[in-house]
């Protein structure tokens, strides 16, 4: 039809730049060759998954607007942020491995002399718009420009709370490389990242950067940034292996049996960074509960609870689900204690060395509305009685 191409281009020019760009050309041809791409979309491991909320809109709205439950979904005080992040990062890690959780899923990993930055989101909102969308609940621990040189930025998938256009544009002006799942490179090139700085991988593919081996591993999630979800960009978890240390970042994922396979092939890990927030019964296939996250950690460690530490990610920074704000941290702490596994619970910006010591105090309790019955004794004692229930939980 005459004029249809120019109309399409005109509509595209009106879209926010943060929508990114759909894969095309050689990149799209490579996507179609992927063994994980079928019937025009990427497929999840473990079979089909629900990527839209189940149940009625009225049921979802009832949960979101319940007055008592809503009062628990945000902190009641100021979320603490580590005050000396910049000075602490100026000293190299004595053990060769140091992690600094910057909030949500953003983590700086210093591993065997290299610096890896996972899912950096320095923006005020995880949204294509500066005036709307989930707003940050605490400041970033330090300015992006103060972070210093980064060898590689790793992106798990293209959702706004993991792939932030302003942050990527700022990093595009540095010398860093980018490791991304298949198709995500189209967004980065659209925002000014040169093609020769991209390492774009399918699941089970690896790349070597500065003595590190980075491997894209499966996850159970979905993609999409614009008005339509084409499922043409892949989502991934990531393994980073150096000469002495191995770490794992889950990105976003539902629980699936593949964690055992990843652990058997690439583990055990000195540290895992596991998504444990923004879960709901309305979307059980694509995000993990704290208990599922702990099981994933154990699977990745081949069942050995003494192997490595688990750093909970994807919580505390943005309000993205109807569960209480503190529940992911509290639930993960309880589940790890029950399993005899090791928790890392830093405040945002607090560097720690997993093979030396990890902060584990429940800092969120000081700034959250307590659950019904108050906070349980910590560490637990045998006579503590039943655990208090959060708003919305069964008493």
Foldseek 3Di string as FASTA:
>chain_A
DPPPVVVVVVVVVPDQLLQFDFDDDPLLVVLVPDPQADPQAGAAPPGDFDAFFDDDPVVQVCLCPDVQLVQQAAWQAQFDADQCLLVVVVDDDPVQWKWFFQAFQWIWIRHNNAIETFLDDQQQALASDNPDHWGWRHHGNDDPVSPDDHAEYEFQASGSSRDPLVVLLVCLPDPHAYEYERRCVSRSVSSRRDPVRYDYYHAQDWDDTPQKIKGWHGAFAAHGRDPDGSNSTHGTKMWIDHPPFIETERRKHAADPCLLVQLVVRDDGQEYEFEADLADPRRRGTHYHLLSRVVSNCSSPVNDQARHEYEYHRADTTRRHSGRRLRSLVSNLVNSVVSVHHYAYDRHSDMDGGVPDHDNDSSSLVGGDAAVPGQFDPPHDPPRDDGGDHVPDDD
